[in-house]
C-alpha atoms as a PDB file:
ATOM      1  CA  MET A   1    -153.100  82.022 -65.840  1.00  0.00           C
ATOM      2  CA  ARG A   2    -153.984  78.283 -66.200  1.00  0.00           C
ATOM      3  CA  THR A   3    -151.175  77.703 -68.441  1.00  0.00           C
ATOM      4  CA  GLU A   4    -148.711  79.321 -65.891  1.00  0.00           C
ATOM      5  CA  ARG A   5    -150.119  77.237 -63.073  1.00  0.00           C
ATOM      6  CA  ASN A   6    -150.070  73.948 -65.148  1.00  0.00           C
ATOM      7  CA  LEU A   7    -146.392  74.699 -66.052  1.00  0.00           C
ATOM      8  CA  THR A   8    -145.582  75.484 -62.405  1.00  0.00           C
ATOM      9  CA  ARG A   9    -147.088  72.167 -61.261  1.00  0.00           C
ATOM     10  CA  ARG A  10    -145.206  70.240 -63.784  1.00  0.00           C
ATOM     11  CA  LEU A  11    -141.966  71.748 -62.753  1.00  0.00           C
ATOM     12  CA  ASP A  12    -142.676  70.995 -59.093  1.00  0.00           C
ATOM     13  CA  ARG A  13    -143.331  67.428 -59.942  1.00  0.00           C
ATOM     14  CA  VAL A  14    -140.048  67.278 -61.934  1.00  0.00           C
ATOM     15  CA  PHE A  15    -138.002  68.774 -59.004  1.00  0.00           C
ATOM     16  CA  ALA A  16    -139.762  66.610 -56.480  1.00  0.00           C
ATOM     17  CA  ARG A  17    -138.784  63.554 -58.431  1.00  0.00           C
ATOM     18  CA  LEU A  18    -135.173  64.706 -58.579  1.00  0.00           C
ATOM     19  CA  ASP A  19    -135.076  65.548 -54.982  1.00  0.00           C
ATOM     20  CA  ARG A  20    -136.341  61.948 -53.960  1.00  0.00           C
ATOM     21  CA  GLU A  21    -133.840  59.983 -52.078  1.00  0.00           C
ATOM     22  CA  PRO A  22    -132.189  57.748 -54.644  1.00  0.00           C
ATOM     23  CA  GLU A  23    -132.957  54.111 -54.324  1.00  0.00           C
ATOM     24  CA  ARG A  24    -131.520  51.161 -56.457  1.00  0.00           C
ATOM     25  CA  PRO A  25    -134.485  49.630 -58.288  1.00  0.00           C
ATOM     26  CA  ALA A  26    -135.369  46.138 -56.917  1.00  0.00           C
ATOM     27  CA  HIS A  27    -137.272  44.960 -60.065  1.00  0.00           C
ATOM     28  CA  ILE A  28    -135.697  46.235 -63.417  1.00  0.00           C
ATOM     29  CA  ASP A  29    -137.632  45.346 -66.496  1.00  0.00           C
ATOM     30  CA  VAL A  30    -135.002  43.584 -68.404  1.00  0.00           C
ATOM     31  CA  PRO A  31    -135.991  42.629 -71.991  1.00  0.00           C
ATOM     32  CA  ARG A  32    -135.847  38.823 -72.576  1.00  0.00           C
ATOM     33  CA  MET A  33    -135.207  36.880 -75.683  1.00  0.00           C
ATOM     34  CA  SER A  34    -138.911  36.120 -76.315  1.00  0.00           C
ATOM     35  CA  ARG A  35    -140.306  34.254 -79.345  1.00  0.00           C
ATOM     36  CA  HIS A  36    -141.504  37.537 -80.893  1.00  0.00           C
ATOM     37  CA  ARG A  37    -137.929  38.983 -80.647  1.00  0.00           C
ATOM     38  CA  VAL A  38    -136.399  35.722 -82.103  1.00  0.00           C
ATOM     39  CA  VAL A  39    -138.779  36.008 -85.163  1.00  0.00           C
ATOM     40  CA  LEU A  40    -137.696  39.684 -85.757  1.00  0.00           C
ATOM     41  CA  PHE A  41    -134.090  38.851 -85.286  1.00  0.00           C
ATOM     42  CA  THR A  42    -134.407  36.111 -87.861  1.00  0.00           C
ATOM     43  CA  ALA A  43    -136.282  38.150 -90.330  1.00  0.00           C
ATOM     44  CA  THR A  44    -133.861  41.021 -89.958  1.00  0.00           C
ATOM     45  CA  LEU A  45    -130.874  38.747 -90.618  1.00  0.00           C
ATOM     46  CA  ALA A  46    -132.592  37.330 -93.626  1.00  0.00           C
ATOM     47  CA  PHE A  47    -133.002  40.941 -94.909  1.00  0.00           C
ATOM     48  CA  TYR A  48    -129.400  41.569 -94.186  1.00  0.00           C
ATOM     49  CA  LEU A  49    -128.102  38.653 -96.132  1.00  0.00           C
ATOM     50  CA  ALA A  50    -130.545  39.395 -99.051  1.00  0.00           C
ATOM     51  CA  ILE A  51    -129.090  42.954 -99.296  1.00  0.00           C
ATOM     52  CA  VAL A  52    -125.485  41.683 -99.428  1.00  0.00           C
ATOM     53  CA  TRP A  53    -126.454  39.014-102.141  1.00  0.00           C
ATOM     54  CA  ALA A  54    -128.188  41.650-104.142  1.00  0.00           C
ATOM     55  CA  VAL A  55    -125.089  43.779-104.184  1.00  0.00           C
ATOM     56  CA  VAL A  56    -122.647  41.003-104.878  1.00  0.00           C
ATOM     57  CA  ILE A  57    -124.548  39.888-107.945  1.00  0.00           C
ATOM     58  CA  SER A  58    -124.977  43.465-109.276  1.00  0.00           C
ATOM     59  CA  SER A  59    -128.710  43.236-109.244  1.00  0.00           C
ATOM     60  CA  TRP A  60    -131.384  45.821-109.667  1.00  0.00           C
ATOM     61  CA  LEU A  61    -130.395  47.340-106.310  1.00  0.00           C
ATOM     62  CA  VAL A  62    -127.003  48.285-107.717  1.00  0.00           C
ATOM     63  CA  ARG A  63    -128.610  49.950-110.784  1.00  0.00           C
ATOM     64  CA  LEU A  64    -130.886  51.919-108.378  1.00  0.00           C
ATOM     65  CA  ASP A  65    -127.809  52.960-106.406  1.00  0.00           C
ATOM     66  CA  TRP A  66    -126.301  54.439-109.645  1.00  0.00           C
ATOM     67  CA  GLN A  67    -129.515  56.221-110.587  1.00  0.00           C
ATOM     68  CA  VAL A  68    -129.794  58.042-107.167  1.00  0.00           C
ATOM     69  CA  MET A  69    -126.139  58.948-107.410  1.00  0.00           C
ATOM     70  CA  PHE A  70    -126.561  60.553-110.885  1.00  0.00           C
ATOM     71  CA  PHE A  71    -129.748  62.338-109.614  1.00  0.00           C
ATOM     72  CA  ARG A  72    -127.473  64.275-107.121  1.00  0.00           C
ATOM     73  CA  PRO A  73    -129.991  65.125-104.409  1.00  0.00           C
ATOM     74  CA  TYR A  74    -127.756  67.804-102.977  1.00  0.00           C
ATOM     75  CA  GLN A  75    -128.002  69.760-106.270  1.00  0.00           C
ATOM     76  CA  GLN A  76    -131.758  69.251-106.461  1.00  0.00           C
ATOM     77  CA  TRP A  77    -132.414  70.638-103.016  1.00  0.00           C
ATOM     78  CA  PRO A  78    -129.484  73.030-102.107  1.00  0.00           C
ATOM     79  CA  GLN A  79    -131.358  75.025 -99.608  1.00  0.00           C
ATOM     80  CA  ILE A  80    -131.355  72.153 -96.986  1.00  0.00           C
ATOM     81  CA  HIS A  81    -127.753  71.334 -97.544  1.00  0.00           C
ATOM     82  CA  ALA A  82    -126.519  73.509 -94.446  1.00  0.00           C
ATOM     83  CA  PHE A  83    -129.082  72.000 -92.128  1.00  0.00           C
ATOM     84  CA  LEU A  84    -128.347  68.395 -93.154  1.00  0.00           C
ATOM     85  CA  ASP A  85    -124.668  68.964 -92.614  1.00  0.00           C
ATOM     86  CA  TYR A  86    -125.399  69.431 -88.963  1.00  0.00           C
ATOM     87  CA  TYR A  87    -128.198  66.959 -88.742  1.00  0.00           C
ATOM     88  CA  VAL A  88    -125.906  64.010 -89.917  1.00  0.00           C
ATOM     89  CA  VAL A  89    -123.799  64.537 -86.705  1.00  0.00           C
ATOM     90  CA  LEU A  90    -126.527  62.597 -84.954  1.00  0.00           C
ATOM     91  CA  GLY A  91    -125.019  59.569 -86.636  1.00  0.00           C
ATOM     92  CA  GLN A  92    -121.314  60.097 -85.805  1.00  0.00           C
ATOM     93  CA  ARG A  93    -120.072  57.656 -83.191  1.00  0.00           C
ATOM     94  CA  GLY A  94    -118.198  60.149 -81.004  1.00  0.00           C
ATOM     95  CA  PRO A  95    -120.598  62.970 -80.309  1.00  0.00           C
ATOM     96  CA  THR A  96    -123.629  60.629 -80.010  1.00  0.00           C
ATOM     97  CA  ALA A  97    -121.798  58.217 -77.770  1.00  0.00           C
ATOM     98  CA  VAL A  98    -120.761  61.117 -75.449  1.00  0.00           C
ATOM     99  CA  MET A  99    -124.335  62.504 -75.212  1.00  0.00           C
ATOM    100  CA  VAL A 100    -125.958  59.166 -74.578  1.00  0.00           C
ATOM    101  CA  ALA A 101    -123.300  58.119 -72.154  1.00  0.00           C
ATOM    102  CA  ALA A 102    -123.885  61.393 -70.098  1.00  0.00           C
ATOM    103  CA  TRP A 103    -127.602  60.652 -69.816  1.00  0.00           C
ATOM    104  CA  LEU A 104    -127.150  56.946 -68.968  1.00  0.00           C
ATOM    105  CA  GLY A 105    -124.336  57.937 -66.493  1.00  0.00           C
ATOM    106  CA  TRP A 106    -126.769  60.203 -64.662  1.00  0.00           C
ATOM    107  CA  ARG A 107    -129.289  57.360 -64.559  1.00  0.00           C
ATOM    108  CA  SER A 108    -126.708  55.030 -63.210  1.00  0.00           C
ATOM    109  CA  TRP A 109    -125.711  57.485 -60.456  1.00  0.00           C
ATOM    110  CA  ARG A 110    -129.326  58.128 -59.485  1.00  0.00           C
ATOM    111  CA  GLN A 111    -130.386  54.399 -59.426  1.00  0.00           C
ATOM    112  CA  HIS A 112    -127.082  52.982 -57.959  1.00  0.00           C
ATOM    113  CA  THR A 113    -126.671  50.510 -60.818  1.00  0.00           C
ATOM    114  CA  LEU A 114    -124.238  50.207 -63.614  1.00  0.00           C
ATOM    115  CA  ARG A 115    -126.479  48.314 -66.128  1.00  0.00           C
ATOM    116  CA  PRO A 116    -127.255  51.416 -68.372  1.00  0.00           C
ATOM    117  CA  LEU A 117    -123.571  52.174 -69.011  1.00  0.00           C
ATOM    118  CA  LEU A 118    -122.577  48.580 -69.245  1.00  0.00           C
ATOM    119  CA  THR A 119    -125.399  47.890 -71.801  1.00  0.00           C
ATOM    120  CA  LEU A 120    -124.302  50.903 -73.963  1.00  0.00           C
ATOM    121  CA  ALA A 121    -120.732  49.644 -73.739  1.00  0.00           C
ATOM    122  CA  ALA A 122    -121.771  46.155 -74.898  1.00  0.00           C
ATOM    123  CA  SER A 123    -123.769  47.537 -77.772  1.00  0.00           C
ATOM    124  CA  LEU A 124    -121.014  49.745 -78.998  1.00  0.00           C
ATOM    125  CA  LEU A 125    -118.477  46.956 -78.915  1.00  0.00           C
ATOM    126  CA  LEU A 126    -120.911  44.713 -80.895  1.00  0.00           C
ATOM    127  CA  LEU A 127    -121.327  47.563 -83.352  1.00  0.00           C
ATOM    128  CA  ASN A 128    -117.582  48.126 -83.878  1.00  0.00           C
ATOM    129  CA  VAL A 129    -116.845  44.382 -84.252  1.00  0.00           C
ATOM    130  CA  THR A 130    -119.795  43.421 -86.650  1.00  0.00           C
ATOM    131  CA  VAL A 131    -119.986  46.618 -88.751  1.00  0.00           C
ATOM    132  CA  GLY A 132    -116.229  47.074 -88.842  1.00  0.00           C
ATOM    133  CA  ALA A 133    -115.618  43.379 -89.969  1.00  0.00           C
ATOM    134  CA  ALA A 134    -118.289  43.765 -92.670  1.00  0.00           C
ATOM    135  CA  LYS A 135    -116.785  47.034 -93.954  1.00  0.00           C
ATOM    136  CA  LEU A 136    -113.296  45.609 -94.304  1.00  0.00           C
ATOM    137  CA  GLY A 137    -114.522  42.167 -95.595  1.00  0.00           C
ATOM    138  CA  MET A 138    -116.588  43.607 -98.491  1.00  0.00           C
ATOM    139  CA  GLY A 139    -114.410  46.558 -99.227  1.00  0.00           C
ATOM    140  CA  ARG A 140    -116.876  48.552-101.278  1.00  0.00           C
ATOM    141  CA  LEU A 141    -116.088  52.107-102.507  1.00  0.00           C
ATOM    142  CA  GLY A 142    -118.401  54.962-102.068  1.00  0.00           C
ATOM    143  CA  PRO A 143    -120.225  57.061-104.654  1.00  0.00           C
ATOM    144  CA  HIS A 144    -117.354  59.714-104.777  1.00  0.00           C
ATOM    145  CA  TYR A 145    -114.728  57.128-105.405  1.00  0.00           C
ATOM    146  CA  ALA A 146    -116.587  54.932-107.906  1.00  0.00           C
ATOM    147  CA  THR A 147    -114.489  53.629-110.894  1.00  0.00           C
ATOM    148  CA  VAL A 148    -116.755  51.858-113.235  1.00  0.00           C
ATOM    149  CA  ILE A 149    -120.293  52.882-113.933  1.00  0.00           C
ATOM    150  CA  GLY A 150    -122.996  50.197-113.218  1.00  0.00           C
ATOM    151  CA  SER A 151    -120.455  48.078-110.926  1.00  0.00           C
ATOM    152  CA  ASN A 152    -120.948  47.119-107.397  1.00  0.00           C
ATOM    153  CA  GLU A 153    -117.543  48.521-106.493  1.00  0.00           C
ATOM    154  CA  MET A 154    -117.027  45.515-104.146  1.00  0.00           C
ATOM    155  CA  GLY A 155    -113.433  44.290-103.051  1.00  0.00           C
ATOM    156  CA  LEU A 156    -111.656  47.412-104.053  1.00  0.00           C
ATOM    157  CA  GLY A 157    -110.398  48.305-100.464  1.00  0.00           C
ATOM    158  CA  GLY A 158    -113.308  50.602 -99.498  1.00  0.00           C
ATOM    159  CA  ASP A 159    -115.061  50.804 -96.100  1.00  0.00           C
ATOM    160  CA  ILE A 160    -118.509  52.164 -96.957  1.00  0.00           C
ATOM    161  CA  PHE A 161    -120.729  49.080 -97.005  1.00  0.00           C
ATOM    162  CA  PRO A 162    -122.670  49.001 -94.597  1.00  0.00           C
ATOM    163  CA  SER A 163    -123.281  52.647 -93.586  1.00  0.00           C
ATOM    164  CA  GLY A 164    -121.608  53.268 -90.188  1.00  0.00           C
ATOM    165  CA  HIS A 165    -123.615  56.382 -89.716  1.00  0.00           C
ATOM    166  CA  THR A 166    -126.881  54.671 -90.054  1.00  0.00           C
ATOM    167  CA  ALA A 167    -126.001  51.620 -87.917  1.00  0.00           C
ATOM    168  CA  ASN A 168    -124.584  53.937 -85.152  1.00  0.00           C
ATOM    169  CA  ALA A 169    -127.803  55.947 -85.133  1.00  0.00           C
ATOM    170  CA  VAL A 170    -129.883  52.961 -84.831  1.00  0.00           C
ATOM    171  CA  VAL A 171    -127.930  51.508 -81.950  1.00  0.00           C
ATOM    172  CA  THR A 172    -127.032  54.760 -79.970  1.00  0.00           C
ATOM    173  CA  TRP A 173    -130.519  56.144 -80.096  1.00  0.00           C
ATOM    174  CA  GLY A 174    -132.296  52.869 -79.799  1.00  0.00           C
ATOM    175  CA  ILE A 175    -130.408  51.887 -76.583  1.00  0.00           C
ATOM    176  CA  LEU A 176    -132.541  54.722 -74.965  1.00  0.00           C
ATOM    177  CA  ALA A 177    -135.718  52.879 -75.948  1.00  0.00           C
ATOM    178  CA  TYR A 178    -134.139  49.445 -74.958  1.00  0.00           C
ATOM    179  CA  LEU A 179    -133.338  50.877 -71.459  1.00  0.00           C
ATOM    180  CA  ALA A 180    -136.693  52.589 -70.950  1.00  0.00           C
ATOM    181  CA  SER A 181    -138.292  52.003 -67.477  1.00  0.00           C
ATOM    182  CA  SER A 182    -141.896  51.740 -68.703  1.00  0.00           C
ATOM    183  CA  PRO A 183    -143.650  50.292 -71.907  1.00  0.00           C
ATOM    184  CA  ARG A 184    -145.061  53.697 -72.729  1.00  0.00           C
ATOM    185  CA  ALA A 185    -141.681  55.301 -72.745  1.00  0.00           C
ATOM    186  CA  ARG A 186    -140.319  52.504 -74.686  1.00  0.00           C
ATOM    187  CA  ARG A 187    -142.767  52.944 -77.445  1.00  0.00           C
ATOM    188  CA  TRP A 188    -142.209  56.773 -77.619  1.00  0.00           C
ATOM    189  CA  LEU A 189    -138.320  56.342 -77.558  1.00  0.00           C
ATOM    190  CA  SER A 190    -138.592  53.547 -80.232  1.00  0.00           C
ATOM    191  CA  ALA A 191    -140.456  55.892 -82.623  1.00  0.00           C
ATOM    192  CA  VAL A 192    -138.070  58.814 -81.904  1.00  0.00           C
ATOM    193  CA  SER A 193    -135.007  56.629 -82.528  1.00  0.00           C
ATOM    194  CA  ALA A 194    -136.583  55.108 -85.714  1.00  0.00           C
ATOM    195  CA  VAL A 195    -137.207  58.594 -87.236  1.00  0.00           C
ATOM    196  CA  THR A 196    -133.807  59.879 -86.199  1.00  0.00           C
ATOM    197  CA  SER A 197    -131.799  56.896 -87.743  1.00  0.00           C
ATOM    198  CA  LEU A 198    -134.036  57.034 -90.857  1.00  0.00           C
ATOM    199  CA  GLY A 199    -133.240  60.730 -91.217  1.00  0.00           C
ATOM    200  CA  VAL A 200    -129.446  60.076 -90.835  1.00  0.00           C
ATOM    201  CA  GLY A 201    -129.470  57.436 -93.313  1.00  0.00           C
ATOM    202  CA  LEU A 202    -131.366  59.473 -96.021  1.00  0.00           C
ATOM    203  CA  THR A 203    -128.994  62.400 -95.233  1.00  0.00           C
ATOM    204  CA  THR A 204    -125.931  60.416 -96.109  1.00  0.00           C
ATOM    205  CA  VAL A 205    -127.598  59.514 -99.442  1.00  0.00           C
ATOM    206  CA  TYR A 206    -128.512  63.172 -99.972  1.00  0.00           C
ATOM    207  CA  LEU A 207    -124.977  64.269 -99.341  1.00  0.00           C
ATOM    208  CA  GLY A 208    -123.576  61.584-101.694  1.00  0.00           C
ATOM    209  CA  THR A 209    -121.503  59.815 -99.225  1.00  0.00           C
ATOM    210  CA  HIS A 210    -123.199  56.465 -99.209  1.00  0.00           C
ATOM    211  CA  TRP A 211    -125.171  54.309-101.728  1.00  0.00           C
ATOM    212  CA  LEU A 212    -128.855  53.528-101.037  1.00  0.00           C
ATOM    213  CA  SER A 213    -127.878  49.904-100.387  1.00  0.00           C
ATOM    214  CA  ASP A 214    -125.351  50.999 -97.754  1.00  0.00           C
ATOM    215  CA  VAL A 215    -128.096  52.761 -95.833  1.00  0.00           C
ATOM    216  CA  LEU A 216    -130.408  49.628 -96.031  1.00  0.00           C
ATOM    217  CA  LEU A 217    -127.660  47.437 -94.736  1.00  0.00           C
ATOM    218  CA  GLY A 218    -126.826  49.818 -91.958  1.00  0.00           C
ATOM    219  CA  TRP A 219    -130.432  49.888 -90.780  1.00  0.00           C
ATOM    220  CA  ALA A 220    -130.480  46.018 -90.664  1.00  0.00           C
ATOM    221  CA  ALA A 221    -127.138  45.803 -88.904  1.00  0.00           C
ATOM    222  CA  GLY A 222    -128.082  48.281 -86.096  1.00  0.00           C
ATOM    223  CA  LEU A 223    -131.381  46.515 -85.600  1.00  0.00           C
ATOM    224  CA  LEU A 224    -129.660  43.128 -85.370  1.00  0.00           C
ATOM    225  CA  ILE A 225    -127.565  44.520 -82.488  1.00  0.00           C
ATOM    226  CA  LEU A 226    -130.475  45.831 -80.484  1.00  0.00           C
ATOM    227  CA  LEU A 227    -132.514  42.521 -80.991  1.00  0.00           C
ATOM    228  CA  ALA A 228    -129.592  40.449 -79.793  1.00  0.00           C
ATOM    229  CA  LEU A 229    -128.864  42.433 -76.551  1.00  0.00           C
ATOM    230  CA  PRO A 230    -130.943  40.272 -74.285  1.00  0.00           C
ATOM    231  CA  TRP A 231    -128.459  37.403 -74.909  1.00  0.00           C
ATOM    232  CA  PHE A 232    -125.869  39.513 -73.443  1.00  0.00           C
ATOM    233  CA  GLU A 233    -127.775  40.487 -70.210  1.00  0.00           C
ATOM    234  CA  PRO A 234    -126.181  37.716 -68.111  1.00  0.00           C
ATOM    235  CA  LEU A 235    -122.753  39.009 -68.986  1.00  0.00           C
ATOM    236  CA  VAL A 236    -123.718  42.489 -68.117  1.00  0.00           C
ATOM    237  CA  THR A 237    -125.048  41.387 -64.766  1.00  0.00           C
ATOM    238  CA  ARG A 238    -121.754  39.537 -64.012  1.00  0.00           C
ATOM    239  CA  ALA A 239    -119.693  42.587 -65.097  1.00  0.00           C
ATOM    240  CA  GLU A 240    -121.808  44.807 -62.781  1.00  0.00           C
ATOM    241  CA  THR A 241    -121.299  42.430 -59.758  1.00  0.00           C
ATOM    242  CA  GLY A 242    -117.585  42.195 -60.353  1.00  0.00           C
ATOM    243  CA  LEU A 243    -117.153  45.935 -60.546  1.00  0.00           C
ATOM    244  CA  PHE A 244    -119.152  46.518 -57.254  1.00  0.00           C
ATOM    245  CA  VAL A 245    -116.815  43.858 -55.616  1.00  0.00           C
ATOM    246  CA  LEU A 246    -113.813  45.666 -56.816  1.00  0.00           C
ATOM    247  CA  ARG A 247    -115.202  48.920 -55.672  1.00  0.00           C
ATOM    248  CA  ASP A 248    -115.863  47.536 -52.099  1.00  0.00           C
ATOM    249  CA  ARG A 249    -112.315  46.127 -51.947  1.00  0.00           C
ATOM    250  CA  TRP A 250    -110.690  49.330 -53.043  1.00  0.00           C
ATOM    251  CA  ARG A 251    -112.765  51.295 -50.512  1.00  0.00           C
ATOM    252  CA  ALA A 252    -111.709  48.734 -47.709  1.00  0.00           C
ATOM    253  CA  ARG A 253    -107.931  49.141 -48.662  1.00  0.00           C
ATOM    254  CA  ARG A 254    -108.165  52.952 -48.883  1.00  0.00           C
ATOM    255  CA  GLY A 255    -109.940  53.212 -45.480  1.00  0.00           C
ATOM    256  CA  ARG A 256    -107.569  50.576 -43.886  1.00  0.00           C
ATOM    257  CA  THR A 257    -110.324  49.473 -41.569  1.00  0.00           C
ATOM    258  CA  VAL A 258    -109.447  46.602 -39.189  1.00  0.00           C
ATOM    259  CA  PRO A 259    -112.272  44.445 -38.095  1.00  0.00           C
ATOM    260  CA  VAL A 260    -112.642  44.477 -34.256  1.00  0.00           C
ATOM    261  CA  PRO A 261    -113.535  41.074 -32.823  1.00  0.00           C
ATOM    262  CA  ALA A 262    -116.984  41.092 -31.036  1.00  0.00           C
ATOM    263  CA  VAL A 263    -116.867  40.860 -27.311  1.00  0.00           C
ATOM    264  CA  PRO A 264    -119.653  38.632 -25.855  1.00  0.00           C
ATOM    265  CA  VAL A 265    -121.906  40.644 -23.554  1.00  0.00           C
ATOM    266  CA  THR A 266    -124.097  38.970 -20.903  1.00  0.00           C
ATOM    267  CA  PRO A 267    -127.506  40.478 -21.215  1.00  0.00           C
ATOM    268  CA  VAL A 268    -129.066  41.990 -17.977  1.00  0.00           C
ATOM    269  CA  VAL A 269    -132.497  41.140 -17.203  1.00  0.00           C
ATOM    270  CA  LEU A 270    -134.538  43.978 -15.643  1.00  0.00           C
ATOM    271  CA  LYS A 271    -137.324  43.045 -13.206  1.00  0.00           C
ATOM    272  CA  PRO A 272    -140.231  45.473 -12.417  1.00  0.00           C
ATOM    273  CA  ARG A 273    -140.163  47.071  -8.991  1.00  0.00           C
ATOM    274  CA  THR A 274    -142.748  45.985  -6.648  1.00  0.00           C
ATOM    275  CA  ALA A 275    -144.543  47.921  -3.793  1.00  0.00           C
ATOM    276  CA  ALA A 276    -142.354  46.130  -1.214  1.00  0.00           C
ATOM    277  CA  ASP A 277    -139.221  47.212  -2.911  1.00  0.00           C
ATOM    278  CA  GLN A 278    -140.401  50.882  -2.713  1.00  0.00           C
ATOM    279  CA  HIS A 279    -140.656  50.815   1.116  1.00  0.00           C
ATOM    280  CA  ALA A 280    -137.433  48.923   1.564  1.00  0.00           C
ATOM    281  CA  PRO A 281    -134.462  50.801   2.787  1.00  0.00           C
ATOM    282  CA  ALA A 282    -131.815  51.942   0.260  1.00  0.00           C
ATOM    283  CA  ARG A 283    -128.833  49.775   0.151  1.00  0.00           C
ATOM    284  CA  GLU A 284    -125.306  51.111   0.129  1.00  0.00           C
ATOM    285  CA  PRO A 285    -123.405  50.610  -3.019  1.00  0.00           C
ATOM    286  CA  VAL A 286    -121.072  47.772  -2.751  1.00  0.00           C
ATOM    287  CA  THR A 287    -117.469  48.743  -3.685  1.00  0.00           C
ATOM    288  CA  SER A 288    -115.595  46.428  -5.802  1.00  0.00           C
ATOM    289  CA  VAL A 289    -112.895  44.558  -4.034  1.00  0.00           C
ATOM    290  CA  ARG A 290    -109.423  44.899  -5.566  1.00  0.00           C
ATOM    291  CA  GLY A 291    -107.225  41.863  -6.105  1.00  0.00           C
ATOM    292  CA  SER A 292    -104.361  41.053  -3.709  1.00  0.00           C
ATOM    293  CA  ARG A 293    -101.928  41.959  -6.603  1.00  0.00           C
ATOM    294  CA  ALA A 294    -100.491  45.343  -6.245  1.00  0.00           C
ATOM    295  CA  PRO A 295    -100.833  47.869  -9.050  1.00  0.00           C
ATOM    296  CA  ILE A 296     -97.885  48.194 -11.350  1.00  0.00           C
ATOM    297  CA  HIS A 297     -97.055  51.741 -10.458  1.00  0.00           C
ATOM    298  CA  LEU A 298     -96.527  51.013  -6.683  1.00  0.00           C
ATOM    299  CA  ALA A 299     -93.254  49.515  -5.319  1.00  0.00           C
ATOM    300  CA  PRO A 300     -93.548  45.928  -4.065  1.00  0.00           C
ATOM    301  CA  GLY A 301     -93.975  45.525  -0.268  1.00  0.00           C
ATOM    302  CA  PRO A 302     -96.548  46.323   2.410  1.00  0.00           C
ATOM    303  CA  HIS A 303     -98.231  49.671   2.149  1.00  0.00           C
ATOM    304  CA  THR A 304     -99.795  51.468   5.133  1.00  0.00           C
ATOM    305  CA  ALA A 305    -102.668  54.018   5.118  1.00  0.00           C
ATOM    306  CA  ARG A 306    -101.762  57.808   5.388  1.00  0.00           C
ATOM    307  CA  SER A 307    -103.354  57.932   8.971  1.00  0.00           C
ATOM    308  CA  GLU A 308    -101.084  55.090  10.258  1.00  0.00           C
ATOM    309  CA  ARG A 309     -97.917  56.779   9.267  1.00  0.00           C
ATOM    310  CA  THR A 310     -95.634  58.442  11.869  1.00  0.00           C
ATOM    311  CA  PRO A 311     -94.688  62.003  11.076  1.00  0.00           C
ATOM    312  CA  VAL A 312     -91.191  62.340  10.129  1.00  0.00           C
ATOM    313  CA  THR A 313     -89.200  65.501  11.463  1.00  0.00           C
ATOM    314  CA  PRO A 314     -86.652  66.921   9.124  1.00  0.00           C
ATOM    315  CA  ALA A 315     -83.101  66.421  10.099  1.00  0.00           C
ATOM    316  CA  GLY A 316     -82.342  70.109   9.937  1.00  0.00           C
ATOM    317  CA  SER A 317     -83.876  73.430   9.965  1.00  0.00           C
ATOM    318  CA  ARG A 318     -84.116  75.536   6.839  1.00  0.00           C
ATOM    319  CA  ARG A 319     -83.896  78.802   8.590  1.00  0.00           C
ATOM    320  CA  PRO A 320     -80.557  80.530   8.695  1.00  0.00           C
ATOM    321  CA  PRO A 321     -78.833  80.582  12.194  1.00  0.00           C
ATOM    322  CA  HIS A 322     -79.032  83.634  14.361  1.00  0.00           C
ATOM    323  CA  ALA A 323     -76.486  84.225  17.183  1.00  0.00           C
ATOM    324  CA  ASP A 324     -79.043  85.994  19.425  1.00  0.00           C
ATOM    325  CA  ARG A 325     -81.535  83.124  19.333  1.00  0.00           C
ATOM    326  CA  VAL A 326     -81.673  80.354  21.751  1.00  0.00           C
ATOM    327  CA  PRO A 327     -83.116  77.001  21.219  1.00  0.00           C
ATOM    328  CA  ARG A 328     -86.419  76.215  22.925  1.00  0.00           C
ATOM    329  CA  GLY A 329     -86.411  74.565  26.357  1.00  0.00           C
ATOM    330  CA  THR A 330     -83.218  76.347  27.506  1.00  0.00           C
ATOM    331  CA  SER A 331     -83.141  79.324  29.891  1.00  0.00           C
ATOM    332  CA  GLN A 332     -81.875  82.557  28.474  1.00  0.00           C
ATOM    333  CA  PRO A 333     -78.983  84.265  30.233  1.00  0.00           C
ATOM    334  CA  VAL A 334     -79.764  87.573  32.233  1.00  0.00           C
ATOM    335  CA  ARG A 335     -78.402  90.525  30.479  1.00  0.00           C
ATOM    336  CA  PRO A 336     -76.600  93.062  32.669  1.00  0.00           C
ATOM    337  CA  LEU A 337     -78.259  96.445  32.925  1.00  0.00           C
ATOM    338  CA  THR A 338     -75.970  99.216  31.769  1.00  0.00           C
ATOM    339  CA  GLY A 339     -76.488 102.778  32.599  1.00  0.00           C
ATOM    340  CA  GLY A 340     -76.892 105.269  29.908  1.00  0.00           C
END
């Protein structure tokens, strides 16, 4: 019984929050480029460059990549292969972008702000530009297309380094933590996004689609984008303001509303009624005096009142003539009596 009551109370709180009148938040906690964030960004960038250099010179990291490839994890644990085939979808750009955009779109509609959607768009744009340029620039082949054992497979026209699945998982799920409305929610969402992206990266290694170094560089690439987002907040704010201005102009053109000039109205000062005014006789209302100009619908000239007009007799009678009738005022001739 207590469990059911607690569940009912929680559901009532959720629905009460949903039914609350939506208001645009006045003070949004926008992350700033603090000193701590700058230090993390610098350390992540150094780690990114170190991974690239270790792969370019074919160091111990490349040998580790080949050892993991020959280990073939998908053959060591085949019972989890079916599950991980579906789990790796959490790193694909299309499905994850649709899911996260749906949630952030609902938040934008409820809060009357476009910042969540615009921040997601900016992060995905940075992801496509930076990770795509690195993939094409380094041209590394994947484990299934490797040509020489022990080589770094760089500059051979591949697009596997860094891992796009891993970087996309870090950015897409990490943006939820970045846009969290409270520090507690930000901590929980950061932990969830970190575990999800870690699992997606290891899944690609398990399936044999990426080297281990690809996943390490993908984590660093996604984290760099999340750490650099505060630098793009002014651009997001300008884009939101411009979109709202365009929306208002479009609504004005669609409604075709013409502004009516305001007519100055003289205020009427009301005075309280005294005891002497209560015993004073009521005054007759004063009728408004018309101007000397005649109305437009009347013909020009003097007009008399209806009581001053003389009756007009019609020129003829409308009754049909009768031979045996005599007009009034004349004597009728005497009819002779005839015997019957």
